[in-house]
């Protein structure tokens, strides 16, 4: 996958984010499946902490170091659009 510059996120509800890539691919993605993927994601159960998501290094990251591969996010957006 080529680097996708211009990734943008907006909080929607619960553990969902609207994710938009610079090529126009976008979708509302429920991120709750990540909450059970190890201790680094456990703090994301707190909605206030989850809402601290930001773009770092071309992907979504949180202050505790949790992040998600941009390839995974892109695939989820393609699935959300289907």
C-alpha atoms as a PDB file:
ATOM      1  CA  UNK A   1       0.000   0.000   0.000  1.00  0.00           C
ATOM      2  CA  UNK A   2       1.326   3.419  -0.806  1.00  0.00           C
ATOM      3  CA  UNK A   3       1.591   6.004   1.960  1.00  0.00           C
ATOM      4  CA  UNK A   4      -1.777   7.711   2.386  1.00  0.00           C
ATOM      5  CA  UNK A   5      -1.048  11.297   3.304  1.00  0.00           C
ATOM      6  CA  UNK A   6      -3.928  13.377   4.586  1.00  0.00           C
ATOM      7  CA  UNK A   7      -5.684  10.822   6.759  1.00  0.00           C
ATOM      8  CA  UNK A   8      -8.460  12.592   8.654  1.00  0.00           C
ATOM      9  CA  UNK A   9     -10.586  11.376  11.558  1.00  0.00           C
ATOM     10  CA  UNK A  10     -13.716  12.627  13.275  1.00  0.00           C
ATOM     11  CA  UNK A  11     -15.320  11.138  16.355  1.00  0.00           C
ATOM     12  CA  UNK A  12     -18.877   9.928  15.697  1.00  0.00           C
ATOM     13  CA  UNK A  13     -20.365   7.917  18.593  1.00  0.00           C
ATOM     14  CA  UNK A  14     -19.412   5.123  20.975  1.00  0.00           C
ATOM     15  CA  UNK A  15     -16.162   3.699  19.669  1.00  0.00           C
ATOM     16  CA  UNK A  16     -16.744   4.809  16.088  1.00  0.00           C
ATOM     17  CA  UNK A  17     -14.701   7.192  13.984  1.00  0.00           C
ATOM     18  CA  UNK A  18     -15.268   8.641  10.551  1.00  0.00           C
ATOM     19  CA  UNK A  19     -11.996   7.913   8.769  1.00  0.00           C
ATOM     20  CA  UNK A  20     -11.172   9.612   5.470  1.00  0.00           C
ATOM     21  CA  UNK A  21      -8.105   8.977   3.338  1.00  0.00           C
ATOM     22  CA  UNK A  22      -6.722  11.507   0.882  1.00  0.00           C
ATOM     23  CA  UNK A  23      -7.831   9.380  -2.069  1.00  0.00           C
ATOM     24  CA  UNK A  24     -11.470   9.798  -1.018  1.00  0.00           C
ATOM     25  CA  UNK A  25     -11.964   6.395   0.604  1.00  0.00           C
ATOM     26  CA  UNK A  26     -13.868   6.913   3.841  1.00  0.00           C
ATOM     27  CA  UNK A  27     -16.206   5.219   6.242  1.00  0.00           C
ATOM     28  CA  UNK A  28     -17.534   5.190   9.783  1.00  0.00           C
ATOM     29  CA  UNK A  29     -15.590   2.421  11.489  1.00  0.00           C
ATOM     30  CA  UNK A  30     -16.525   0.801  14.794  1.00  0.00           C
ATOM     31  CA  UNK A  31     -13.193   0.402  16.594  1.00  0.00           C
ATOM     32  CA  UNK A  32     -14.603  -1.592  19.537  1.00  0.00           C
ATOM     33  CA  UNK A  33     -13.017  -4.839  18.308  1.00  0.00           C
ATOM     34  CA  UNK A  34      -9.614  -3.401  19.226  1.00  0.00           C
ATOM     35  CA  UNK A  35     -10.573  -3.011  22.890  1.00  0.00           C
ATOM     36  CA  UNK A  36      -9.886  -6.711  23.457  1.00  0.00           C
ATOM     37  CA  UNK A  37      -6.546  -6.855  21.634  1.00  0.00           C
ATOM     38  CA  UNK A  38      -4.217  -6.561  24.577  1.00  0.00           C
ATOM     39  CA  UNK A  39      -3.426  -4.231  27.442  1.00  0.00           C
ATOM     40  CA  UNK A  40      -2.325  -1.297  25.270  1.00  0.00           C
ATOM     41  CA  UNK A  41      -5.889  -0.990  23.928  1.00  0.00           C
ATOM     42  CA  UNK A  42      -7.647  -1.403  27.316  1.00  0.00           C
ATOM     43  CA  UNK A  43      -7.624   2.360  28.095  1.00  0.00           C
ATOM     44  CA  UNK A  44      -9.641   2.942  24.911  1.00  0.00           C
ATOM     45  CA  UNK A  45     -12.676   1.453  26.683  1.00  0.00           C
ATOM     46  CA  UNK A  46     -13.000   4.860  28.378  1.00  0.00           C
ATOM     47  CA  UNK A  47     -14.802   7.017  25.797  1.00  0.00           C
ATOM     48  CA  UNK A  48     -13.017  10.169  26.949  1.00  0.00           C
ATOM     49  CA  UNK A  49      -9.654   8.502  26.352  1.00  0.00           C
ATOM     50  CA  UNK A  50     -10.835   6.999  23.059  1.00  0.00           C
ATOM     51  CA  UNK A  51     -11.764  10.494  21.879  1.00  0.00           C
ATOM     52  CA  UNK A  52      -8.111  11.555  22.273  1.00  0.00           C
ATOM     53  CA  UNK A  53      -7.335   9.738  19.012  1.00  0.00           C
ATOM     54  CA  UNK A  54      -5.060  11.722  16.732  1.00  0.00           C
ATOM     55  CA  UNK A  55      -3.121  11.288  13.510  1.00  0.00           C
ATOM     56  CA  UNK A  56       0.484  10.319  14.133  1.00  0.00           C
ATOM     57  CA  UNK A  57       2.877   8.790  11.644  1.00  0.00           C
ATOM     58  CA  UNK A  58       0.157   8.411   9.029  1.00  0.00           C
ATOM     59  CA  UNK A  59      -2.261   6.468  11.198  1.00  0.00           C
ATOM     60  CA  UNK A  60      -4.569   6.757  14.209  1.00  0.00           C
ATOM     61  CA  UNK A  61      -2.793   6.753  17.571  1.00  0.00           C
ATOM     62  CA  UNK A  62      -3.626   7.443  21.207  1.00  0.00           C
ATOM     63  CA  UNK A  63      -1.539   9.077  23.956  1.00  0.00           C
ATOM     64  CA  UNK A  64      -0.616   5.720  25.520  1.00  0.00           C
ATOM     65  CA  UNK A  65       1.088   4.498  22.327  1.00  0.00           C
ATOM     66  CA  UNK A  66      -1.783   2.395  20.972  1.00  0.00           C
ATOM     67  CA  UNK A  67      -2.092   2.657  17.200  1.00  0.00           C
ATOM     68  CA  UNK A  68      -3.651   0.801  14.296  1.00  0.00           C
ATOM     69  CA  UNK A  69      -1.959  -0.028  11.003  1.00  0.00           C
ATOM     70  CA  UNK A  70      -3.162   2.254   8.207  1.00  0.00           C
ATOM     71  CA  UNK A  71      -3.642  -0.759   5.939  1.00  0.00           C
ATOM     72  CA  UNK A  72      -6.172  -2.180   8.405  1.00  0.00           C
ATOM     73  CA  UNK A  73      -7.987   1.138   8.599  1.00  0.00           C
ATOM     74  CA  UNK A  74      -8.124   1.399   4.822  1.00  0.00           C
ATOM     75  CA  UNK A  75      -9.603  -2.091   4.495  1.00  0.00           C
ATOM     76  CA  UNK A  76     -12.194  -1.295   7.174  1.00  0.00           C
ATOM     77  CA  UNK A  77     -13.180   1.863   5.313  1.00  0.00           C
ATOM     78  CA  UNK A  78     -13.579  -0.099   2.085  1.00  0.00           C
ATOM     79  CA  UNK A  79     -15.799  -2.577   3.954  1.00  0.00           C
ATOM     80  CA  UNK A  80     -17.811   0.212   5.590  1.00  0.00           C
ATOM     81  CA  UNK A  81     -18.494   1.743   2.182  1.00  0.00           C
ATOM     82  CA  UNK A  82     -19.730  -1.536   0.701  1.00  0.00           C
END
